[in-house]
Amino acid sequence: MTGEAAPIDPWLLAKLVCPVTRTPLRWDAARAALVSDAAGLAFPVRDGVPVLLVREAVAIA
């Protein structure tokens, strides 16, 4: 994890997985998003709620 703490309960964050690869997600404070390194996607968090829809994800390099 980088920078500031995730705006999501740590217990929930530990349970969340990428909807594409089923691998764990990590909080990226710089992007303010949950990142799937395996899929190369960043999922937004809106008002403390993770939006794990592929159509809402942003591809990362």
PDB file of N, CA and C in Angstrom:
ATOM      1  N   MET A   1       0.837  -1.182   0.000  1.00  0.00           N
ATOM      2  CA  MET A   1       0.000   0.000   0.000  1.00  0.00           C
ATOM      3  C   MET A   1       0.878   1.239   0.000  1.00  0.00           C
ATOM      4  N   THR A   2       0.358   2.251  -0.626  1.00  0.00           N
ATOM      5  CA  THR A   2       1.127   3.481  -0.700  1.00  0.00           C
ATOM      6  C   THR A   2       0.376   4.620  -0.055  1.00  0.00           C
ATOM      7  N   GLY A   3       1.110   5.566   0.508  1.00  0.00           N
ATOM      8  CA  GLY A   3       0.531   6.813   1.008  1.00  0.00           C
ATOM      9  C   GLY A   3      -0.517   6.629   2.068  1.00  0.00           C
ATOM     10  N   GLU A   4      -1.586   7.365   1.910  1.00  0.00           N
ATOM     11  CA  GLU A   4      -2.632   7.393   2.926  1.00  0.00           C
ATOM     12  C   GLU A   4      -3.436   6.104   2.970  1.00  0.00           C
ATOM     13  N   ALA A   5      -4.158   5.930   4.069  1.00  0.00           N
ATOM     14  CA  ALA A   5      -4.964   4.733   4.259  1.00  0.00           C
ATOM     15  C   ALA A   5      -6.157   4.733   3.306  1.00  0.00           C
ATOM     16  N   ALA A   6      -6.593   3.542   2.953  1.00  0.00           N
ATOM     17  CA  ALA A   6      -7.750   3.391   2.071  1.00  0.00           C
ATOM     18  C   ALA A   6      -9.011   3.874   2.778  1.00  0.00           C
ATOM     19  N   PRO A   7      -9.949   4.459   2.018  1.00  0.00           N
ATOM     20  CA  PRO A   7     -11.205   4.912   2.609  1.00  0.00           C
ATOM     21  C   PRO A   7     -12.192   3.761   2.803  1.00  0.00           C
ATOM     22  N   ILE A   8     -11.647   2.551   2.831  1.00  0.00           N
ATOM     23  CA  ILE A   8     -12.454   1.343   2.965  1.00  0.00           C
ATOM     24  C   ILE A   8     -12.012   0.616   4.226  1.00  0.00           C
ATOM     25  N   ASP A   9     -12.947  -0.002   4.901  1.00  0.00           N
ATOM     26  CA  ASP A   9     -12.633  -0.779   6.091  1.00  0.00           C
ATOM     27  C   ASP A   9     -11.554  -1.812   5.755  1.00  0.00           C
ATOM     28  N   PRO A  10     -10.497  -1.901   6.564  1.00  0.00           N
ATOM     29  CA  PRO A  10      -9.410  -2.849   6.280  1.00  0.00           C
ATOM     30  C   PRO A  10      -9.881  -4.298   6.159  1.00  0.00           C
ATOM     31  N   TRP A  11     -10.875  -4.685   6.933  1.00  0.00           N
ATOM     32  CA  TRP A  11     -11.415  -6.047   6.856  1.00  0.00           C
ATOM     33  C   TRP A  11     -11.996  -6.293   5.464  1.00  0.00           C
ATOM     34  N   LEU A  12     -12.773  -5.331   4.958  1.00  0.00           N
ATOM     35  CA  LEU A  12     -13.368  -5.465   3.632  1.00  0.00           C
ATOM     36  C   LEU A  12     -12.295  -5.466   2.549  1.00  0.00           C
ATOM     37  N   LEU A  13     -11.330  -4.577   2.666  1.00  0.00           N
ATOM     38  CA  LEU A  13     -10.253  -4.494   1.683  1.00  0.00           C
ATOM     39  C   LEU A  13      -9.523  -5.833   1.559  1.00  0.00           C
ATOM     40  N   ALA A  14      -9.332  -6.523   2.669  1.00  0.00           N
ATOM     41  CA  ALA A  14      -8.653  -7.820   2.658  1.00  0.00           C
ATOM     42  C   ALA A  14      -9.475  -8.890   1.933  1.00  0.00           C
ATOM     43  N   LYS A  15     -10.775  -8.690   1.823  1.00  0.00           N
ATOM     44  CA  LYS A  15     -11.659  -9.679   1.194  1.00  0.00           C
ATOM     45  C   LYS A  15     -11.901  -9.407  -0.290  1.00  0.00           C
ATOM     46  N   LEU A  16     -11.680  -8.173  -0.742  1.00  0.00           N
ATOM     47  CA  LEU A  16     -11.998  -7.805  -2.115  1.00  0.00           C
ATOM     48  C   LEU A  16     -11.012  -8.412  -3.115  1.00  0.00           C
ATOM     49  N   VAL A  17     -11.545  -8.865  -4.236  1.00  0.00           N
ATOM     50  CA  VAL A  17     -10.713  -9.403  -5.313  1.00  0.00           C
ATOM     51  C   VAL A  17     -11.136  -8.769  -6.632  1.00  0.00           C
ATOM     52  N   CYS A  18     -10.237  -8.817  -7.589  1.00  0.00           N
ATOM     53  CA  CYS A  18     -10.502  -8.299  -8.922  1.00  0.00           C
ATOM     54  C   CYS A  18     -11.612  -9.129  -9.569  1.00  0.00           C
ATOM     55  N   PRO A  19     -12.616  -8.489 -10.161  1.00  0.00           N
ATOM     56  CA  PRO A  19     -13.684  -9.256 -10.808  1.00  0.00           C
ATOM     57  C   PRO A  19     -13.224  -9.961 -12.086  1.00  0.00           C
ATOM     58  N   VAL A  20     -12.084  -9.590 -12.618  1.00  0.00           N
ATOM     59  CA  VAL A  20     -11.566 -10.204 -13.846  1.00  0.00           C
ATOM     60  C   VAL A  20     -10.682 -11.403 -13.533  1.00  0.00           C
ATOM     61  N   THR A  21      -9.724 -11.213 -12.628  1.00  0.00           N
ATOM     62  CA  THR A  21      -8.716 -12.246 -12.368  1.00  0.00           C
ATOM     63  C   THR A  21      -8.904 -12.993 -11.050  1.00  0.00           C
ATOM     64  N   ARG A  22      -9.748 -12.473 -10.187  1.00  0.00           N
ATOM     65  CA  ARG A  22      -9.968 -13.037  -8.842  1.00  0.00           C
ATOM     66  C   ARG A  22      -8.717 -12.985  -7.973  1.00  0.00           C
ATOM     67  N   THR A  23      -7.827 -12.039  -8.257  1.00  0.00           N
ATOM     68  CA  THR A  23      -6.634 -11.831  -7.441  1.00  0.00           C
ATOM     69  C   THR A  23      -6.891 -10.655  -6.496  1.00  0.00           C
ATOM     70  N   PRO A  24      -6.147 -10.569  -5.400  1.00  0.00           N
ATOM     71  CA  PRO A  24      -6.352  -9.476  -4.438  1.00  0.00           C
ATOM     72  C   PRO A  24      -6.156  -8.092  -5.066  1.00  0.00           C
ATOM     73  N   LEU A  25      -6.877  -7.131  -4.530  1.00  0.00           N
ATOM     74  CA  LEU A  25      -6.735  -5.737  -4.933  1.00  0.00           C
ATOM     75  C   LEU A  25      -5.899  -5.013  -3.895  1.00  0.00           C
ATOM     76  N   ARG A  26      -5.234  -3.944  -4.317  1.00  0.00           N
ATOM     77  CA  ARG A  26      -4.476  -3.124  -3.372  1.00  0.00           C
ATOM     78  C   ARG A  26      -4.914  -1.678  -3.534  1.00  0.00           C
ATOM     79  N   TRP A  27      -4.831  -0.929  -2.443  1.00  0.00           N
ATOM     80  CA  TRP A  27      -5.186   0.485  -2.460  1.00  0.00           C
ATOM     81  C   TRP A  27      -4.015   1.282  -3.011  1.00  0.00           C
ATOM     82  N   ASP A  28      -4.288   2.155  -3.959  1.00  0.00           N
ATOM     83  CA  ASP A  28      -3.284   3.059  -4.507  1.00  0.00           C
ATOM     84  C   ASP A  28      -3.759   4.479  -4.235  1.00  0.00           C
ATOM     85  N   ALA A  29      -3.142   5.135  -3.265  1.00  0.00           N
ATOM     86  CA  ALA A  29      -3.561   6.479  -2.861  1.00  0.00           C
ATOM     87  C   ALA A  29      -3.361   7.496  -3.975  1.00  0.00           C
ATOM     88  N   ALA A  30      -2.326   7.335  -4.783  1.00  0.00           N
ATOM     89  CA  ALA A  30      -2.061   8.276  -5.872  1.00  0.00           C
ATOM     90  C   ALA A  30      -3.200   8.272  -6.895  1.00  0.00           C
ATOM     91  N   ARG A  31      -3.761   7.116  -7.134  1.00  0.00           N
ATOM     92  CA  ARG A  31      -4.886   7.004  -8.080  1.00  0.00           C
ATOM     93  C   ARG A  31      -6.230   7.111  -7.368  1.00  0.00           C
ATOM     94  N   ALA A  32      -6.230   7.015  -6.051  1.00  0.00           N
ATOM     95  CA  ALA A  32      -7.463   6.967  -5.258  1.00  0.00           C
ATOM     96  C   ALA A  32      -8.352   5.855  -5.790  1.00  0.00           C
ATOM     97  N   ALA A  33      -7.736   4.682  -5.970  1.00  0.00           N
ATOM     98  CA  ALA A  33      -8.457   3.559  -6.556  1.00  0.00           C
ATOM     99  C   ALA A  33      -7.896   2.237  -6.037  1.00  0.00           C
ATOM    100  N   LEU A  34      -8.683   1.195  -6.229  1.00  0.00           N
ATOM    101  CA  LEU A  34      -8.231  -0.162  -5.946  1.00  0.00           C
ATOM    102  C   LEU A  34      -7.607  -0.702  -7.223  1.00  0.00           C
ATOM    103  N   VAL A  35      -6.406  -1.223  -7.116  1.00  0.00           N
ATOM    104  CA  VAL A  35      -5.661  -1.646  -8.291  1.00  0.00           C
ATOM    105  C   VAL A  35      -5.526  -3.160  -8.333  1.00  0.00           C
ATOM    106  N   SER A  36      -5.760  -3.694  -9.526  1.00  0.00           N
ATOM    107  CA  SER A  36      -5.484  -5.096  -9.811  1.00  0.00           C
ATOM    108  C   SER A  36      -4.238  -5.126 -10.671  1.00  0.00           C
ATOM    109  N   ASP A  37      -3.115  -5.513 -10.085  1.00  0.00           N
ATOM    110  CA  ASP A  37      -1.871  -5.594 -10.843  1.00  0.00           C
ATOM    111  C   ASP A  37      -1.959  -6.679 -11.913  1.00  0.00           C
ATOM    112  N   ALA A  38      -2.652  -7.765 -11.619  1.00  0.00           N
ATOM    113  CA  ALA A  38      -2.765  -8.875 -12.566  1.00  0.00           C
ATOM    114  C   ALA A  38      -3.542  -8.475 -13.819  1.00  0.00           C
ATOM    115  N   ALA A  39      -4.596  -7.672 -13.648  1.00  0.00           N
ATOM    116  CA  ALA A  39      -5.426  -7.258 -14.789  1.00  0.00           C
ATOM    117  C   ALA A  39      -4.977  -5.933 -15.385  1.00  0.00           C
ATOM    118  N   GLY A  40      -4.154  -5.190 -14.635  1.00  0.00           N
ATOM    119  CA  GLY A  40      -3.743  -3.875 -15.114  1.00  0.00           C
ATOM    120  C   GLY A  40      -4.883  -2.872 -15.107  1.00  0.00           C
ATOM    121  N   LEU A  41      -5.738  -2.976 -14.091  1.00  0.00           N
ATOM    122  CA  LEU A  41      -6.907  -2.107 -13.988  1.00  0.00           C
ATOM    123  C   LEU A  41      -6.953  -1.403 -12.638  1.00  0.00           C
ATOM    124  N   ALA A  42      -7.495  -0.189 -12.633  1.00  0.00           N
ATOM    125  CA  ALA A  42      -7.734   0.556 -11.398  1.00  0.00           C
ATOM    126  C   ALA A  42      -9.239   0.773 -11.276  1.00  0.00           C
ATOM    127  N   PHE A  43      -9.795   0.333 -10.162  1.00  0.00           N
ATOM    128  CA  PHE A  43     -11.227   0.449  -9.906  1.00  0.00           C
ATOM    129  C   PHE A  43     -11.477   1.629  -8.965  1.00  0.00           C
ATOM    130  N   PRO A  44     -12.417   2.511  -9.310  1.00  0.00           N
ATOM    131  CA  PRO A  44     -12.661   3.681  -8.473  1.00  0.00           C
ATOM    132  C   PRO A  44     -13.349   3.325  -7.152  1.00  0.00           C
ATOM    133  N   VAL A  45     -13.191   4.228  -6.198  1.00  0.00           N
ATOM    134  CA  VAL A  45     -13.911   4.141  -4.930  1.00  0.00           C
ATOM    135  C   VAL A  45     -14.700   5.436  -4.819  1.00  0.00           C
ATOM    136  N   ARG A  46     -16.013   5.310  -4.727  1.00  0.00           N
ATOM    137  CA  ARG A  46     -16.877   6.485  -4.662  1.00  0.00           C
ATOM    138  C   ARG A  46     -17.617   6.508  -3.330  1.00  0.00           C
ATOM    139  N   ASP A  47     -17.408   7.557  -2.572  1.00  0.00           N
ATOM    140  CA  ASP A  47     -18.033   7.705  -1.251  1.00  0.00           C
ATOM    141  C   ASP A  47     -17.774   6.485  -0.371  1.00  0.00           C
ATOM    142  N   GLY A  48     -16.548   5.953  -0.464  1.00  0.00           N
ATOM    143  CA  GLY A  48     -16.171   4.822   0.358  1.00  0.00           C
ATOM    144  C   GLY A  48     -16.649   3.476  -0.146  1.00  0.00           C
ATOM    145  N   VAL A  49     -17.279   3.465  -1.327  1.00  0.00           N
ATOM    146  CA  VAL A  49     -17.808   2.222  -1.893  1.00  0.00           C
ATOM    147  C   VAL A  49     -16.990   1.832  -3.118  1.00  0.00           C
ATOM    148  N   PRO A  50     -16.390   0.641  -3.111  1.00  0.00           N
ATOM    149  CA  PRO A  50     -15.625   0.204  -4.275  1.00  0.00           C
ATOM    150  C   PRO A  50     -16.560  -0.089  -5.445  1.00  0.00           C
ATOM    151  N   VAL A  51     -16.203   0.415  -6.613  1.00  0.00           N
ATOM    152  CA  VAL A  51     -16.986   0.177  -7.825  1.00  0.00           C
ATOM    153  C   VAL A  51     -16.208  -0.852  -8.651  1.00  0.00           C
ATOM    154  N   LEU A  52     -16.585  -2.110  -8.500  1.00  0.00           N
ATOM    155  CA  LEU A  52     -15.834  -3.198  -9.129  1.00  0.00           C
ATOM    156  C   LEU A  52     -16.480  -3.644 -10.435  1.00  0.00           C
ATOM    157  N   LEU A  53     -16.804  -2.683 -11.259  1.00  0.00           N
ATOM    158  CA  LEU A  53     -17.357  -2.952 -12.583  1.00  0.00           C
ATOM    159  C   LEU A  53     -16.254  -2.708 -13.607  1.00  0.00           C
ATOM    160  N   VAL A  54     -16.059  -3.667 -14.490  1.00  0.00           N
ATOM    161  CA  VAL A  54     -14.986  -3.548 -15.474  1.00  0.00           C
ATOM    162  C   VAL A  54     -15.184  -2.304 -16.342  1.00  0.00           C
ATOM    163  N   ARG A  55     -16.411  -1.967 -16.683  1.00  0.00           N
ATOM    164  CA  ARG A  55     -16.671  -0.792 -17.520  1.00  0.00           C
ATOM    165  C   ARG A  55     -16.309   0.516 -16.824  1.00  0.00           C
ATOM    166  N   GLU A  56     -16.175   0.510 -15.500  1.00  0.00           N
ATOM    167  CA  GLU A  56     -15.801   1.708 -14.736  1.00  0.00           C
ATOM    168  C   GLU A  56     -14.307   1.754 -14.459  1.00  0.00           C
ATOM    169  N   ALA A  57     -13.606   0.666 -14.717  1.00  0.00           N
ATOM    170  CA  ALA A  57     -12.172   0.583 -14.428  1.00  0.00           C
ATOM    171  C   ALA A  57     -11.356   1.356 -15.467  1.00  0.00           C
ATOM    172  N   VAL A  58     -10.170   1.775 -15.035  1.00  0.00           N
ATOM    173  CA  VAL A  58      -9.240   2.491 -15.910  1.00  0.00           C
ATOM    174  C   VAL A  58      -8.005   1.618 -16.079  1.00  0.00           C
ATOM    175  N   ALA A  59      -7.573   1.456 -17.317  1.00  0.00           N
ATOM    176  CA  ALA A  59      -6.368   0.675 -17.584  1.00  0.00           C
ATOM    177  C   ALA A  59      -5.147   1.434 -17.068  1.00  0.00           C
ATOM    178  N   ILE A  60      -4.231   0.679 -16.463  1.00  0.00           N
ATOM    179  CA  ILE A  60      -2.983   1.285 -15.972  1.00  0.00           C
ATOM    180  C   ILE A  60      -1.818   0.672 -16.738  1.00  0.00           C
ATOM    181  N   ALA A  61      -0.756   1.428 -16.825  1.00  0.00           N
ATOM    182  CA  ALA A  61       0.430   0.958 -17.585  1.00  0.00           C
ATOM    183  C   ALA A  61       1.297   0.052 -16.758  1.00  0.00           C
TER     184      ALA A  61
END
